[in-house]
Amino acid sequence: MAGVAAQNTLLSEAADWLIVLRYEAPSAKEQASFEQWRSQSPAHEAAWHKAESMLGVFAQVPPEICQQTLRSVQRPDRRKSLAMLGGLLVAAPAGWLAWRELQWRDWAADEATAVGQSRSMLLPDGSTLTLNTASAVAIHFSAQERRVRLLGGEILITTHADPSPSYRPFVVETRQGTVQALGTRFSVRRVDADTSRVAVFSHAVAITNQQGATQLLQEGHTADFSTTSIGPQTDVQASAALWEQGMLLAKNMPLADVVAEIGRYRTGRLHCDPAVAQLRLSGALSLKDTDASLALLAQSLPVRIERLGNGQVRVVGR
């Protein structure tokens, strides 16, 4: 098997087997069938290894939740992959919803980072890919194209001349469409479930949304796009990519925006009181030591930091 479709098929099959072996009582015949499936090819083995890597994560889910979920499926065959299980977990307590989103994302990922972590890597063509906090990507390079699928979070790409003898476009794919590099350095961020944001720091990119609308985005500009529209272009400073160095450079930035950005690099909830949300801040803040950055806010502005327990922190007026 080869290609993205074949890989996804194997991952789906591995997910089915994960359900059988983790949450059901497999018979001897089923166990033999699994071993036969696993030994078919190195690709099957690799897919299963990825499934095994998730077993520790799924062990965090109370068995009664999973068993109740599976029992609720009104079909003779309950083994319809982890995506099905994830969808049914919507009925589970709210604490599992955030967990579910991250785990389905990471299931499909080739590379991922945790909250507060960033990592740079070289791609097969020599391009550099940097993942920001809580980010995940799937990478597929073929004879026809170089594609990075952004599953969550934010990435920074610095493209390199393709060593392939034939032209292969470099494309970043999101739920909303694609961003094609035109010899460039750029970032792509999943803002929310409906919106992606592109910022270009060198040369240009071409944005194409799901409906086929296309817009050229030049150096020094940023734009949001959805499946149906591409928003207006606005200016972006090169300092917007300083997160790669673990820094946030604020220039007359509303406190609410500063707090929201810092919150991306912390576990637990970080909240800005609306009463101080419009205070303005200029300065450099660490994204690697967010407690130090919060302390700096309290020193620079008429605010204080309230720690409420359970990882909850509030920025409020003095």
C-alpha atoms as a PDB file:
ATOM      1  CA  MET A   1       0.000   0.000   0.000  1.00  0.00           C
ATOM      2  CA  ALA A   2       1.190   3.557  -0.677  1.00  0.00           C
ATOM      3  CA  GLY A   3      -0.095   7.076  -0.375  1.00  0.00           C
ATOM      4  CA  VAL A   4      -2.146   9.018   2.139  1.00  0.00           C
ATOM      5  CA  ALA A   5      -5.407   7.155   1.452  1.00  0.00           C
ATOM      6  CA  ALA A   6      -3.764   3.780   2.024  1.00  0.00           C
ATOM      7  CA  GLN A   7      -2.073   5.015   5.201  1.00  0.00           C
ATOM      8  CA  ASN A   8      -5.368   6.351   6.530  1.00  0.00           C
ATOM      9  CA  THR A   9      -7.025   3.014   5.754  1.00  0.00           C
ATOM     10  CA  LEU A  10      -4.394   1.162   7.777  1.00  0.00           C
ATOM     11  CA  LEU A  11      -4.725   3.610  10.671  1.00  0.00           C
ATOM     12  CA  SER A  12      -8.489   3.104  10.613  1.00  0.00           C
ATOM     13  CA  GLU A  13      -8.038  -0.664  10.665  1.00  0.00           C
ATOM     14  CA  ALA A  14      -5.530  -0.356  13.502  1.00  0.00           C
ATOM     15  CA  ALA A  15      -8.052   1.793  15.368  1.00  0.00           C
ATOM     16  CA  ASP A  16     -10.682  -0.913  14.912  1.00  0.00           C
ATOM     17  CA  TRP A  17      -8.321  -3.501  16.379  1.00  0.00           C
ATOM     18  CA  LEU A  18      -7.533  -1.146  19.250  1.00  0.00           C
ATOM     19  CA  ILE A  19     -11.231  -1.066  20.130  1.00  0.00           C
ATOM     20  CA  VAL A  20     -11.436  -4.872  19.968  1.00  0.00           C
ATOM     21  CA  LEU A  21      -8.349  -5.549  22.076  1.00  0.00           C
ATOM     22  CA  ARG A  22      -8.752  -2.713  24.599  1.00  0.00           C
ATOM     23  CA  TYR A  23     -12.487  -2.517  25.198  1.00  0.00           C
ATOM     24  CA  GLU A  24     -13.938  -5.858  24.128  1.00  0.00           C
ATOM     25  CA  ALA A  25     -13.138  -9.489  24.958  1.00  0.00           C
ATOM     26  CA  PRO A  26     -11.515 -10.861  21.780  1.00  0.00           C
ATOM     27  CA  SER A  27     -11.976 -14.531  20.997  1.00  0.00           C
ATOM     28  CA  ALA A  28      -9.114 -16.804  19.979  1.00  0.00           C
ATOM     29  CA  LYS A  29     -10.281 -16.490  16.369  1.00  0.00           C
ATOM     30  CA  GLU A  30     -10.246 -12.701  16.580  1.00  0.00           C
ATOM     31  CA  GLN A  31      -6.796 -12.740  18.148  1.00  0.00           C
ATOM     32  CA  ALA A  32      -5.533 -14.923  15.291  1.00  0.00           C
ATOM     33  CA  SER A  33      -7.145 -12.605  12.737  1.00  0.00           C
ATOM     34  CA  PHE A  34      -5.429  -9.647  14.358  1.00  0.00           C
ATOM     35  CA  GLU A  35      -2.019 -11.334  14.226  1.00  0.00           C
ATOM     36  CA  GLN A  36      -2.603 -12.178  10.571  1.00  0.00           C
ATOM     37  CA  TRP A  37      -3.563  -8.568   9.794  1.00  0.00           C
ATOM     38  CA  ARG A  38      -0.556  -7.214  11.668  1.00  0.00           C
ATOM     39  CA  SER A  39       1.925  -9.445   9.822  1.00  0.00           C
ATOM     40  CA  GLN A  40       0.728  -8.559   6.318  1.00  0.00           C
ATOM     41  CA  SER A  41       3.367  -5.858   5.717  1.00  0.00           C
ATOM     42  CA  PRO A  42       5.741  -3.410   7.444  1.00  0.00           C
ATOM     43  CA  ALA A  43       3.081  -0.726   6.900  1.00  0.00           C
ATOM     44  CA  HIS A  44       0.558  -2.781   8.894  1.00  0.00           C
ATOM     45  CA  GLU A  45       3.115  -3.204  11.682  1.00  0.00           C
ATOM     46  CA  ALA A  46       3.861   0.530  11.692  1.00  0.00           C
ATOM     47  CA  ALA A  47       0.152   1.353  11.909  1.00  0.00           C
ATOM     48  CA  TRP A  48      -0.215  -0.970  14.861  1.00  0.00           C
ATOM     49  CA  HIS A  49       2.800   0.539  16.620  1.00  0.00           C
ATOM     50  CA  LYS A  50       1.070   3.897  16.323  1.00  0.00           C
ATOM     51  CA  ALA A  51      -2.063   2.355  17.822  1.00  0.00           C
ATOM     52  CA  GLU A  52      -0.021   0.856  20.656  1.00  0.00           C
ATOM     53  CA  SER A  53       1.452   4.265  21.411  1.00  0.00           C
ATOM     54  CA  MET A  54      -2.077   5.499  22.039  1.00  0.00           C
ATOM     55  CA  LEU A  55      -2.977   2.721  24.483  1.00  0.00           C
ATOM     56  CA  GLY A  56      -1.381   4.577  27.358  1.00  0.00           C
ATOM     57  CA  VAL A  57      -3.413   7.651  26.492  1.00  0.00           C
ATOM     58  CA  PHE A  58      -6.681   5.742  26.285  1.00  0.00           C
ATOM     59  CA  ALA A  59      -5.914   4.125  29.607  1.00  0.00           C
ATOM     60  CA  GLN A  60      -6.659   7.556  31.097  1.00  0.00           C
ATOM     61  CA  VAL A  61     -10.307   7.206  30.083  1.00  0.00           C
ATOM     62  CA  PRO A  62     -12.403   5.445  32.723  1.00  0.00           C
ATOM     63  CA  PRO A  63     -13.370   2.012  31.306  1.00  0.00           C
ATOM     64  CA  GLU A  64     -16.995   2.540  32.294  1.00  0.00           C
ATOM     65  CA  ILE A  65     -17.199   5.570  29.979  1.00  0.00           C
ATOM     66  CA  CYS A  66     -15.836   3.624  27.022  1.00  0.00           C
ATOM     67  CA  GLN A  67     -17.922   0.540  27.720  1.00  0.00           C
ATOM     68  CA  GLN A  68     -21.087   2.590  28.102  1.00  0.00           C
ATOM     69  CA  THR A  69     -20.269   4.419  24.884  1.00  0.00           C
ATOM     70  CA  LEU A  70     -19.758   1.216  22.932  1.00  0.00           C
ATOM     71  CA  ARG A  71     -22.932  -0.323  24.318  1.00  0.00           C
ATOM     72  CA  SER A  72     -24.888   2.703  23.135  1.00  0.00           C
ATOM     73  CA  VAL A  73     -24.047   2.089  19.468  1.00  0.00           C
ATOM     74  CA  GLN A  74     -27.175   0.869  17.712  1.00  0.00           C
ATOM     75  CA  ARG A  75     -25.310  -1.308  15.200  1.00  0.00           C
ATOM     76  CA  PRO A  76     -24.364  -4.995  15.158  1.00  0.00           C
ATOM     77  CA  ASP A  77     -20.747  -4.037  14.603  1.00  0.00           C
ATOM     78  CA  ARG A  78     -19.385  -1.694  17.255  1.00  0.00           C
ATOM     79  CA  ARG A  79     -15.889  -1.560  15.830  1.00  0.00           C
ATOM     80  CA  LYS A  80     -16.178   1.547  13.720  1.00  0.00           C
ATOM     81  CA  SER A  81     -12.874   3.129  14.694  1.00  0.00           C
ATOM     82  CA  LEU A  82     -11.728   5.600  17.299  1.00  0.00           C
ATOM     83  CA  ALA A  83     -13.358   8.473  15.428  1.00  0.00           C
ATOM     84  CA  MET A  84     -16.750   6.920  16.180  1.00  0.00           C
ATOM     85  CA  LEU A  85     -15.845   6.506  19.831  1.00  0.00           C
ATOM     86  CA  GLY A  86     -14.649  10.086  19.951  1.00  0.00           C
ATOM     87  CA  GLY A  87     -17.895  11.364  18.502  1.00  0.00           C
ATOM     88  CA  LEU A  88     -19.919   9.438  21.043  1.00  0.00           C
ATOM     89  CA  LEU A  89     -17.836  10.788  23.897  1.00  0.00           C
ATOM     90  CA  VAL A  90     -19.603  14.098  23.353  1.00  0.00           C
ATOM     91  CA  ALA A  91     -22.082  12.737  25.876  1.00  0.00           C
ATOM     92  CA  ALA A  92     -19.291  12.282  28.421  1.00  0.00           C
ATOM     93  CA  PRO A  93     -18.396  14.868  31.080  1.00  0.00           C
ATOM     94  CA  ALA A  94     -17.027  18.162  29.785  1.00  0.00           C
ATOM     95  CA  GLY A  95     -13.520  17.400  31.026  1.00  0.00           C
ATOM     96  CA  TRP A  96     -13.214  14.658  28.467  1.00  0.00           C
ATOM     97  CA  LEU A  97     -14.174  16.859  25.533  1.00  0.00           C
ATOM     98  CA  ALA A  98     -10.894  18.763  25.444  1.00  0.00           C
ATOM     99  CA  TRP A  99      -9.074  15.476  25.943  1.00  0.00           C
ATOM    100  CA  ARG A 100     -10.992  13.928  23.040  1.00  0.00           C
ATOM    101  CA  GLU A 101     -10.128  16.783  20.657  1.00  0.00           C
ATOM    102  CA  LEU A 102      -6.406  16.504  21.394  1.00  0.00           C
ATOM    103  CA  GLN A 103      -6.286  12.744  21.121  1.00  0.00           C
ATOM    104  CA  TRP A 104      -8.125  12.490  17.784  1.00  0.00           C
ATOM    105  CA  ARG A 105      -5.821  15.195  16.486  1.00  0.00           C
ATOM    106  CA  ASP A 106      -2.678  13.458  17.683  1.00  0.00           C
ATOM    107  CA  TRP A 107      -3.885  10.075  16.408  1.00  0.00           C
ATOM    108  CA  ALA A 108      -3.494  11.341  12.821  1.00  0.00           C
ATOM    109  CA  ALA A 109      -0.305  13.318  13.531  1.00  0.00           C
ATOM    110  CA  ASP A 110       3.229  12.521  12.453  1.00  0.00           C
ATOM    111  CA  GLU A 111       4.618  15.242  14.711  1.00  0.00           C
ATOM    112  CA  ALA A 112       3.039  16.994  17.705  1.00  0.00           C
ATOM    113  CA  THR A 113       3.964  19.270  20.597  1.00  0.00           C
ATOM    114  CA  ALA A 114       2.519  19.578  24.091  1.00  0.00           C
ATOM    115  CA  VAL A 115       1.241  22.785  25.678  1.00  0.00           C
ATOM    116  CA  GLY A 116       4.184  25.127  26.212  1.00  0.00           C
ATOM    117  CA  GLN A 117       6.467  23.120  23.936  1.00  0.00           C
ATOM    118  CA  SER A 118       7.851  24.070  20.514  1.00  0.00           C
ATOM    119  CA  ARG A 119      10.080  22.087  18.203  1.00  0.00           C
ATOM    120  CA  SER A 120      11.896  22.593  14.881  1.00  0.00           C
ATOM    121  CA  MET A 121      12.702  19.877  12.372  1.00  0.00           C
ATOM    122  CA  LEU A 122      14.070  19.463   8.879  1.00  0.00           C
ATOM    123  CA  LEU A 123      11.684  18.105   6.275  1.00  0.00           C
ATOM    124  CA  PRO A 124      12.848  15.657   3.582  1.00  0.00           C
ATOM    125  CA  ASP A 125      13.428  18.486   1.072  1.00  0.00           C
ATOM    126  CA  GLY A 126      15.566  20.535   3.479  1.00  0.00           C
ATOM    127  CA  SER A 127      12.773  22.929   4.454  1.00  0.00           C
ATOM    128  CA  THR A 128      12.391  23.807   8.142  1.00  0.00           C
ATOM    129  CA  LEU A 129       9.153  23.156  10.025  1.00  0.00           C
ATOM    130  CA  THR A 130       8.644  24.612  13.500  1.00  0.00           C
ATOM    131  CA  LEU A 131       5.656  23.574  15.607  1.00  0.00           C
ATOM    132  CA  ASN A 132       4.337  26.026  18.171  1.00  0.00           C
ATOM    133  CA  THR A 133       2.629  25.127  21.442  1.00  0.00           C
ATOM    134  CA  ALA A 134       0.003  22.348  21.335  1.00  0.00           C
ATOM    135  CA  SER A 135       0.392  21.794  17.603  1.00  0.00           C
ATOM    136  CA  ALA A 136       0.167  18.748  15.366  1.00  0.00           C
ATOM    137  CA  VAL A 137       0.855  17.996  11.705  1.00  0.00           C
ATOM    138  CA  ALA A 138       0.697  15.135   9.255  1.00  0.00           C
ATOM    139  CA  ILE A 139       3.484  15.158   6.649  1.00  0.00           C
ATOM    140  CA  HIS A 140       3.234  13.665   3.167  1.00  0.00           C
ATOM    141  CA  PHE A 141       5.939  14.081   0.538  1.00  0.00           C
ATOM    142  CA  SER A 142       5.407  12.348  -2.810  1.00  0.00           C
ATOM    143  CA  ALA A 143       6.724  12.599  -6.365  1.00  0.00           C
ATOM    144  CA  GLN A 144       3.966  15.115  -7.096  1.00  0.00           C
ATOM    145  CA  GLU A 145       3.932  17.455  -4.094  1.00  0.00           C
ATOM    146  CA  ARG A 146       5.217  18.363  -0.654  1.00  0.00           C
ATOM    147  CA  ARG A 147       2.256  18.572   1.734  1.00  0.00           C
ATOM    148  CA  VAL A 148       1.968  19.380   5.437  1.00  0.00           C
ATOM    149  CA  ARG A 149      -1.495  19.035   6.977  1.00  0.00           C
ATOM    150  CA  LEU A 150      -2.058  21.268  10.002  1.00  0.00           C
ATOM    151  CA  LEU A 151      -4.230  19.340  12.462  1.00  0.00           C
ATOM    152  CA  GLY A 152      -4.086  21.878  15.257  1.00  0.00           C
ATOM    153  CA  GLY A 153      -2.072  24.756  16.673  1.00  0.00           C
ATOM    154  CA  GLU A 154       0.429  26.759  14.627  1.00  0.00           C
ATOM    155  CA  ILE A 155       3.453  26.113  12.428  1.00  0.00           C
ATOM    156  CA  LEU A 156       6.221  28.179  10.861  1.00  0.00           C
ATOM    157  CA  ILE A 157       7.639  27.078   7.517  1.00  0.00           C
ATOM    158  CA  THR A 158      10.901  28.155   5.898  1.00  0.00           C
ATOM    159  CA  THR A 159      11.015  26.535   2.488  1.00  0.00           C
ATOM    160  CA  HIS A 160      14.136  25.199   0.801  1.00  0.00           C
ATOM    161  CA  ALA A 161      14.872  24.675  -2.867  1.00  0.00           C
ATOM    162  CA  ASP A 162      13.366  21.309  -3.743  1.00  0.00           C
ATOM    163  CA  PRO A 163      16.074  18.754  -4.668  1.00  0.00           C
ATOM    164  CA  SER A 164      13.561  16.777  -6.744  1.00  0.00           C
ATOM    165  CA  PRO A 165      14.244  16.850 -10.532  1.00  0.00           C
ATOM    166  CA  SER A 166      10.575  17.681 -11.170  1.00  0.00           C
ATOM    167  CA  TYR A 167       8.594  20.567  -9.687  1.00  0.00           C
ATOM    168  CA  ARG A 168       6.670  19.747  -6.519  1.00  0.00           C
ATOM    169  CA  PRO A 169       4.544  22.493  -4.962  1.00  0.00           C
ATOM    170  CA  PHE A 170       4.878  23.009  -1.208  1.00  0.00           C
ATOM    171  CA  VAL A 171       1.392  23.090   0.304  1.00  0.00           C
ATOM    172  CA  VAL A 172       0.066  23.499   3.845  1.00  0.00           C
ATOM    173  CA  GLU A 173      -3.443  22.096   4.185  1.00  0.00           C
ATOM    174  CA  THR A 174      -5.992  23.078   6.827  1.00  0.00           C
ATOM    175  CA  ARG A 175      -9.684  22.317   7.236  1.00  0.00           C
ATOM    176  CA  GLN A 176     -10.476  25.545   5.423  1.00  0.00           C
ATOM    177  CA  GLY A 177      -8.256  25.108   2.354  1.00  0.00           C
ATOM    178  CA  THR A 178      -4.619  25.247   1.292  1.00  0.00           C
ATOM    179  CA  VAL A 179      -1.670  27.639   1.443  1.00  0.00           C
ATOM    180  CA  GLN A 180       0.913  27.213  -1.314  1.00  0.00           C
ATOM    181  CA  ALA A 181       4.407  28.551  -0.708  1.00  0.00           C
ATOM    182  CA  LEU A 182       6.000  30.724  -3.383  1.00  0.00           C
ATOM    183  CA  GLY A 183       9.594  30.556  -2.167  1.00  0.00           C
ATOM    184  CA  THR A 184       8.859  31.794   1.304  1.00  0.00           C
ATOM    185  CA  ARG A 185       8.820  31.911   5.105  1.00  0.00           C
ATOM    186  CA  PHE A 186       5.333  31.924   6.556  1.00  0.00           C
ATOM    187  CA  SER A 187       3.174  30.732   9.434  1.00  0.00           C
ATOM    188  CA  VAL A 188      -0.217  29.034   9.454  1.00  0.00           C
ATOM    189  CA  ARG A 189      -2.385  28.913  12.566  1.00  0.00           C
ATOM    190  CA  ARG A 190      -5.658  27.210  13.348  1.00  0.00           C
ATOM    191  CA  VAL A 191      -7.513  30.066  15.035  1.00  0.00           C
ATOM    192  CA  ASP A 192     -10.632  28.024  15.759  1.00  0.00           C
ATOM    193  CA  ALA A 193     -12.690  25.256  14.177  1.00  0.00           C
ATOM    194  CA  ASP A 194     -13.787  27.551  11.333  1.00  0.00           C
ATOM    195  CA  THR A 195     -10.787  29.792  10.683  1.00  0.00           C
ATOM    196  CA  SER A 196      -7.132  29.547   9.682  1.00  0.00           C
ATOM    197  CA  ARG A 197      -4.656  32.454   9.747  1.00  0.00           C
ATOM    198  CA  VAL A 198      -1.647  32.946   7.473  1.00  0.00           C
ATOM    199  CA  ALA A 199       1.222  35.390   8.015  1.00  0.00           C
ATOM    200  CA  VAL A 200       3.977  35.892   5.418  1.00  0.00           C
ATOM    201  CA  PHE A 201       7.448  36.976   6.539  1.00  0.00           C
ATOM    202  CA  SER A 202       9.267  36.494   3.223  1.00  0.00           C
ATOM    203  CA  HIS A 203       8.108  36.399  -0.421  1.00  0.00           C
ATOM    204  CA  ALA A 204       4.477  35.266  -0.859  1.00  0.00           C
ATOM    205  CA  VAL A 205       1.891  32.488  -0.596  1.00  0.00           C
ATOM    206  CA  ALA A 206      -1.306  31.647  -2.464  1.00  0.00           C
ATOM    207  CA  ILE A 207      -4.368  30.943  -0.294  1.00  0.00           C
ATOM    208  CA  THR A 208      -7.131  28.768  -1.767  1.00  0.00           C
ATOM    209  CA  ASN A 209     -10.220  28.030   0.298  1.00  0.00           C
ATOM    210  CA  GLN A 210     -12.471  24.992   0.008  1.00  0.00           C
ATOM    211  CA  GLN A 211     -14.756  26.759  -2.460  1.00  0.00           C
ATOM    212  CA  GLY A 212     -11.863  27.497  -4.807  1.00  0.00           C
ATOM    213  CA  ALA A 213     -11.419  31.219  -4.145  1.00  0.00           C
ATOM    214  CA  THR A 214      -7.741  32.212  -4.348  1.00  0.00           C
ATOM    215  CA  GLN A 215      -5.797  35.187  -3.017  1.00  0.00           C
ATOM    216  CA  LEU A 216      -2.115  36.085  -3.192  1.00  0.00           C
ATOM    217  CA  LEU A 217      -0.661  37.134   0.168  1.00  0.00           C
ATOM    218  CA  GLN A 218       2.565  39.118  -0.013  1.00  0.00           C
ATOM    219  CA  GLU A 219       5.417  39.563   2.470  1.00  0.00           C
ATOM    220  CA  GLY A 220       4.499  41.572   5.541  1.00  0.00           C
ATOM    221  CA  HIS A 221       0.817  40.715   5.455  1.00  0.00           C
ATOM    222  CA  THR A 222      -1.577  38.392   7.268  1.00  0.00           C
ATOM    223  CA  ALA A 223      -5.098  37.175   6.488  1.00  0.00           C
ATOM    224  CA  ASP A 224      -7.705  34.816   7.916  1.00  0.00           C
ATOM    225  CA  PHE A 225      -9.646  32.410   5.741  1.00  0.00           C
ATOM    226  CA  SER A 226     -12.582  30.047   6.124  1.00  0.00           C
ATOM    227  CA  THR A 227     -14.063  27.421   3.832  1.00  0.00           C
ATOM    228  CA  THR A 228     -16.172  30.121   2.134  1.00  0.00           C
ATOM    229  CA  SER A 229     -14.161  33.336   2.314  1.00  0.00           C
ATOM    230  CA  ILE A 230     -10.707  34.910   2.521  1.00  0.00           C
ATOM    231  CA  GLY A 231     -10.562  37.896   4.839  1.00  0.00           C
ATOM    232  CA  PRO A 232      -8.929  41.266   4.247  1.00  0.00           C
ATOM    233  CA  GLN A 233      -5.155  41.548   4.398  1.00  0.00           C
ATOM    234  CA  THR A 234      -3.558  43.431   7.284  1.00  0.00           C
ATOM    235  CA  ASP A 235       0.048  44.259   8.155  1.00  0.00           C
ATOM    236  CA  VAL A 236       2.151  41.833  10.146  1.00  0.00           C
ATOM    237  CA  GLN A 237       5.546  42.470  11.721  1.00  0.00           C
ATOM    238  CA  ALA A 238       8.455  40.033  11.521  1.00  0.00           C
ATOM    239  CA  SER A 239       8.349  39.971  15.341  1.00  0.00           C
ATOM    240  CA  ALA A 240       5.097  37.990  15.083  1.00  0.00           C
ATOM    241  CA  ALA A 241       7.280  34.936  14.485  1.00  0.00           C
ATOM    242  CA  LEU A 242       9.326  35.437  17.656  1.00  0.00           C
ATOM    243  CA  TRP A 243       7.366  32.614  19.290  1.00  0.00           C
ATOM    244  CA  GLU A 244       9.921  30.409  17.527  1.00  0.00           C
ATOM    245  CA  GLN A 245      12.443  31.895  19.998  1.00  0.00           C
ATOM    246  CA  GLY A 246      10.037  31.576  22.921  1.00  0.00           C
ATOM    247  CA  MET A 247       9.204  35.284  23.030  1.00  0.00           C
ATOM    248  CA  LEU A 248       6.143  37.502  22.601  1.00  0.00           C
ATOM    249  CA  LEU A 249       6.837  41.095  21.566  1.00  0.00           C
ATOM    250  CA  ALA A 250       3.869  43.280  22.486  1.00  0.00           C
ATOM    251  CA  LYS A 251       3.521  46.696  20.864  1.00  0.00           C
ATOM    252  CA  ASN A 252       0.709  48.726  22.414  1.00  0.00           C
ATOM    253  CA  MET A 253      -1.197  45.432  22.695  1.00  0.00           C
ATOM    254  CA  PRO A 254      -4.497  45.150  24.608  1.00  0.00           C
ATOM    255  CA  LEU A 255      -4.017  43.228  27.845  1.00  0.00           C
ATOM    256  CA  ALA A 256      -6.782  40.796  26.889  1.00  0.00           C
ATOM    257  CA  ASP A 257      -4.826  39.809  23.766  1.00  0.00           C
ATOM    258  CA  VAL A 258      -1.586  39.472  25.734  1.00  0.00           C
ATOM    259  CA  VAL A 259      -3.256  37.232  28.310  1.00  0.00           C
ATOM    260  CA  ALA A 260      -4.909  35.122  25.589  1.00  0.00           C
ATOM    261  CA  GLU A 261      -1.549  34.612  23.907  1.00  0.00           C
ATOM    262  CA  ILE A 262       0.209  33.669  27.141  1.00  0.00           C
ATOM    263  CA  GLY A 263      -2.653  31.283  27.882  1.00  0.00           C
ATOM    264  CA  ARG A 264      -1.811  29.222  24.805  1.00  0.00           C
ATOM    265  CA  TYR A 265       1.449  28.221  26.502  1.00  0.00           C
ATOM    266  CA  ARG A 266      -0.045  27.168  29.847  1.00  0.00           C
ATOM    267  CA  THR A 267      -2.153  24.312  31.099  1.00  0.00           C
ATOM    268  CA  GLY A 268      -5.197  25.376  33.071  1.00  0.00           C
ATOM    269  CA  ARG A 269      -7.410  28.396  32.475  1.00  0.00           C
ATOM    270  CA  LEU A 270      -5.938  31.890  32.260  1.00  0.00           C
ATOM    271  CA  HIS A 271      -8.591  34.630  32.339  1.00  0.00           C
ATOM    272  CA  CYS A 272      -8.425  38.407  31.931  1.00  0.00           C
ATOM    273  CA  ASP A 273     -11.020  40.447  33.826  1.00  0.00           C
ATOM    274  CA  PRO A 274     -13.003  42.589  31.326  1.00  0.00           C
ATOM    275  CA  ALA A 275     -12.426  45.604  33.606  1.00  0.00           C
ATOM    276  CA  VAL A 276      -8.713  45.637  32.682  1.00  0.00           C
ATOM    277  CA  ALA A 277      -8.925  44.015  29.240  1.00  0.00           C
ATOM    278  CA  GLN A 278      -8.258  47.243  27.324  1.00  0.00           C
ATOM    279  CA  LEU A 279      -5.118  48.270  29.208  1.00  0.00           C
ATOM    280  CA  ARG A 280      -2.210  48.551  26.774  1.00  0.00           C
ATOM    281  CA  LEU A 281       1.193  46.912  27.057  1.00  0.00           C
ATOM    282  CA  SER A 282       4.479  47.222  25.178  1.00  0.00           C
ATOM    283  CA  GLY A 283       7.392  44.948  25.958  1.00  0.00           C
ATOM    284  CA  ALA A 284       8.975  41.515  25.541  1.00  0.00           C
ATOM    285  CA  LEU A 285       7.468  38.562  27.392  1.00  0.00           C
ATOM    286  CA  SER A 286       8.718  35.015  27.794  1.00  0.00           C
ATOM    287  CA  LEU A 287       6.503  32.254  26.448  1.00  0.00           C
ATOM    288  CA  LYS A 288       8.721  29.625  28.047  1.00  0.00           C
ATOM    289  CA  ASP A 289       8.320  31.005  31.576  1.00  0.00           C
ATOM    290  CA  THR A 290       4.724  32.207  31.643  1.00  0.00           C
ATOM    291  CA  ASP A 291       4.710  32.684  35.423  1.00  0.00           C
ATOM    292  CA  ALA A 292       7.513  35.226  35.006  1.00  0.00           C
ATOM    293  CA  SER A 293       5.521  36.930  32.264  1.00  0.00           C
ATOM    294  CA  LEU A 294       2.465  37.169  34.494  1.00  0.00           C
ATOM    295  CA  ALA A 295       4.614  38.655  37.248  1.00  0.00           C
ATOM    296  CA  LEU A 296       5.901  41.222  34.733  1.00  0.00           C
ATOM    297  CA  LEU A 297       2.317  42.187  33.884  1.00  0.00           C
ATOM    298  CA  ALA A 298       1.664  42.867  37.563  1.00  0.00           C
ATOM    299  CA  GLN A 299       4.793  45.034  37.735  1.00  0.00           C
ATOM    300  CA  SER A 300       4.053  46.979  34.559  1.00  0.00           C
ATOM    301  CA  LEU A 301       0.297  47.562  34.840  1.00  0.00           C
ATOM    302  CA  PRO A 302      -2.215  48.276  37.628  1.00  0.00           C
ATOM    303  CA  VAL A 303      -3.197  44.598  37.820  1.00  0.00           C
ATOM    304  CA  ARG A 304      -2.647  41.655  40.112  1.00  0.00           C
ATOM    305  CA  ILE A 305      -2.552  37.905  39.534  1.00  0.00           C
ATOM    306  CA  GLU A 306      -5.132  35.761  41.319  1.00  0.00           C
ATOM    307  CA  ARG A 307      -4.444  32.024  41.588  1.00  0.00           C
ATOM    308  CA  LEU A 308      -7.689  30.168  42.220  1.00  0.00           C
ATOM    309  CA  GLY A 309      -6.437  26.581  42.383  1.00  0.00           C
ATOM    310  CA  ASN A 310      -6.900  23.759  39.881  1.00  0.00           C
ATOM    311  CA  GLY A 311      -4.584  25.628  37.549  1.00  0.00           C
ATOM    312  CA  GLN A 312      -6.952  28.603  37.193  1.00  0.00           C
ATOM    313  CA  VAL A 313      -5.393  32.065  37.126  1.00  0.00           C
ATOM    314  CA  ARG A 314      -7.065  35.478  36.735  1.00  0.00           C
ATOM    315  CA  VAL A 315      -5.587  38.848  35.810  1.00  0.00           C
ATOM    316  CA  VAL A 316      -7.629  41.488  37.645  1.00  0.00           C
ATOM    317  CA  GLY A 317      -7.352  45.151  38.620  1.00  0.00           C
ATOM    318  CA  ARG A 318      -5.588  46.179  41.808  1.00  0.00           C
END
